[in-house]
Amino acid sequence: VMTAVSHVAKERVEVRNLSDKVAELTAKQSASKNDLETRAAAIKGAEGYVTFGGRRLSVETAKAELEADANLYAATQKSLEALETTLANRTKVR
């Protein structure tokens, strides 16, 4: 009986930790999306150079950084979706 109770308690902690991780990653993704959109808008209207957070970059460099960050955002979004699926499944089993 104690083994079953221990297993259930462990599962609850793991689900809670996973839920916290999903919430944290969701917040980070939201902030990243807003940042990407802001940077894209600044690049769109820029001629020659653009300034982000005190950094002055050529439009070409800014576009390259934006593309790299957009790719990272997409990869992180896939990880987030996988975590959400895992959380949903673990919550059902519980």
Protein backbone atom coordinates (compact mmCIF):
# COMPACT_ATOMS: atom_id res chain seq x y z
CA VAL A 1 0.00 0.00 0.00
CA MET A 2 2.83 2.41 0.85
CA THR A 3 4.41 1.72 -2.53
CA ALA A 4 1.18 2.71 -4.29
CA VAL A 5 0.86 5.85 -2.19
CA SER A 6 4.48 6.74 -2.89
CA HIS A 7 3.94 6.20 -6.62
CA VAL A 8 0.84 8.41 -6.65
CA ALA A 9 2.60 11.14 -4.69
CA LYS A 10 5.58 10.98 -7.06
CA GLU A 11 3.28 11.18 -10.08
CA ARG A 12 1.48 14.23 -8.66
CA VAL A 13 4.77 16.03 -8.07
CA GLU A 14 5.96 15.20 -11.60
CA VAL A 15 2.69 16.46 -13.11
CA ARG A 16 2.86 19.66 -11.05
CA ASN A 17 6.49 20.23 -12.13
CA LEU A 18 5.58 19.57 -15.75
CA SER A 19 2.65 21.97 -15.46
CA ASP A 20 4.96 24.66 -14.04
CA LYS A 21 7.43 24.07 -16.86
CA VAL A 22 4.68 24.39 -19.48
CA ALA A 23 3.43 27.63 -17.92
CA GLU A 24 6.95 29.08 -17.78
CA LEU A 25 7.72 28.11 -21.38
CA THR A 26 4.36 29.49 -22.54
CA ALA A 27 5.16 32.85 -20.94
CA LYS A 28 8.64 32.89 -22.50
CA GLN A 29 7.22 32.03 -25.91
CA SER A 30 4.68 34.84 -25.63
CA ALA A 31 7.43 37.33 -24.79
CA SER A 32 9.60 35.99 -27.61
CA LYS A 33 6.77 36.31 -30.10
CA ASN A 34 6.16 39.92 -29.10
CA ASP A 35 9.88 40.65 -29.41
CA LEU A 36 10.06 39.03 -32.85
CA GLU A 37 7.05 41.01 -34.06
CA THR A 38 8.51 44.28 -32.73
CA ARG A 39 11.87 43.61 -34.36
CA ALA A 40 10.24 42.62 -37.66
CA ALA A 41 8.24 45.85 -37.71
CA ALA A 42 11.36 47.91 -36.97
CA ILE A 43 13.30 46.17 -39.72
CA LYS A 44 10.47 46.65 -42.19
CA GLY A 45 10.53 50.41 -41.75
CA ALA A 46 14.32 50.76 -41.49
CA GLU A 47 16.71 52.02 -44.10
CA GLY A 48 20.37 51.06 -43.67
CA TYR A 49 20.46 50.57 -39.90
CA VAL A 50 18.09 49.57 -37.12
CA THR A 51 18.47 49.86 -33.33
CA PHE A 52 17.40 47.12 -30.91
CA GLY A 53 17.91 47.56 -27.21
CA GLY A 54 20.81 49.93 -27.61
CA ARG A 55 22.46 47.90 -30.39
CA ARG A 56 22.78 49.46 -33.83
CA LEU A 57 22.75 46.85 -36.58
CA SER A 58 22.69 46.91 -40.34
CA VAL A 59 19.35 45.85 -41.76
CA GLU A 60 20.99 42.73 -43.25
CA THR A 61 22.47 41.70 -39.89
CA ALA A 62 19.18 42.43 -38.12
CA LYS A 63 17.30 40.29 -40.66
CA ALA A 64 19.76 37.41 -40.19
CA GLU A 65 19.42 37.59 -36.40
CA LEU A 66 15.65 37.80 -36.68
CA GLU A 67 15.55 34.74 -38.93
CA ALA A 68 17.75 32.76 -36.52
CA ASP A 69 15.60 33.79 -33.57
CA ALA A 70 12.41 32.96 -35.50
CA ASN A 71 13.78 29.48 -36.19
CA LEU A 72 14.59 29.07 -32.50
CA TYR A 73 11.07 30.25 -31.64
CA ALA A 74 9.57 27.64 -34.00
CA ALA A 75 11.68 24.84 -32.51
CA THR A 76 10.80 25.90 -28.98
CA GLN A 77 7.12 26.05 -29.95
CA LYS A 78 7.28 22.41 -31.09
CA SER A 79 8.87 21.46 -27.77
CA LEU A 80 6.14 23.35 -25.93
CA GLU A 81 3.43 21.53 -27.90
CA ALA A 82 5.04 18.19 -27.06
CA LEU A 83 5.18 19.12 -23.37
CA GLU A 84 1.52 20.18 -23.45
CA THR A 85 0.58 16.84 -25.00
CA THR A 86 2.60 14.98 -22.38
CA LEU A 87 0.97 17.00 -19.62
CA ALA A 88 -2.50 16.33 -20.99
CA ASN A 89 -1.78 12.58 -21.14
CA ARG A 90 -0.25 12.48 -17.67
CA THR A 91 -3.20 14.42 -16.27
CA LYS A 92 -5.66 11.93 -17.81
CA VAL A 93 -3.77 8.96 -16.34
CA ARG A 94 -3.70 10.53 -12.92
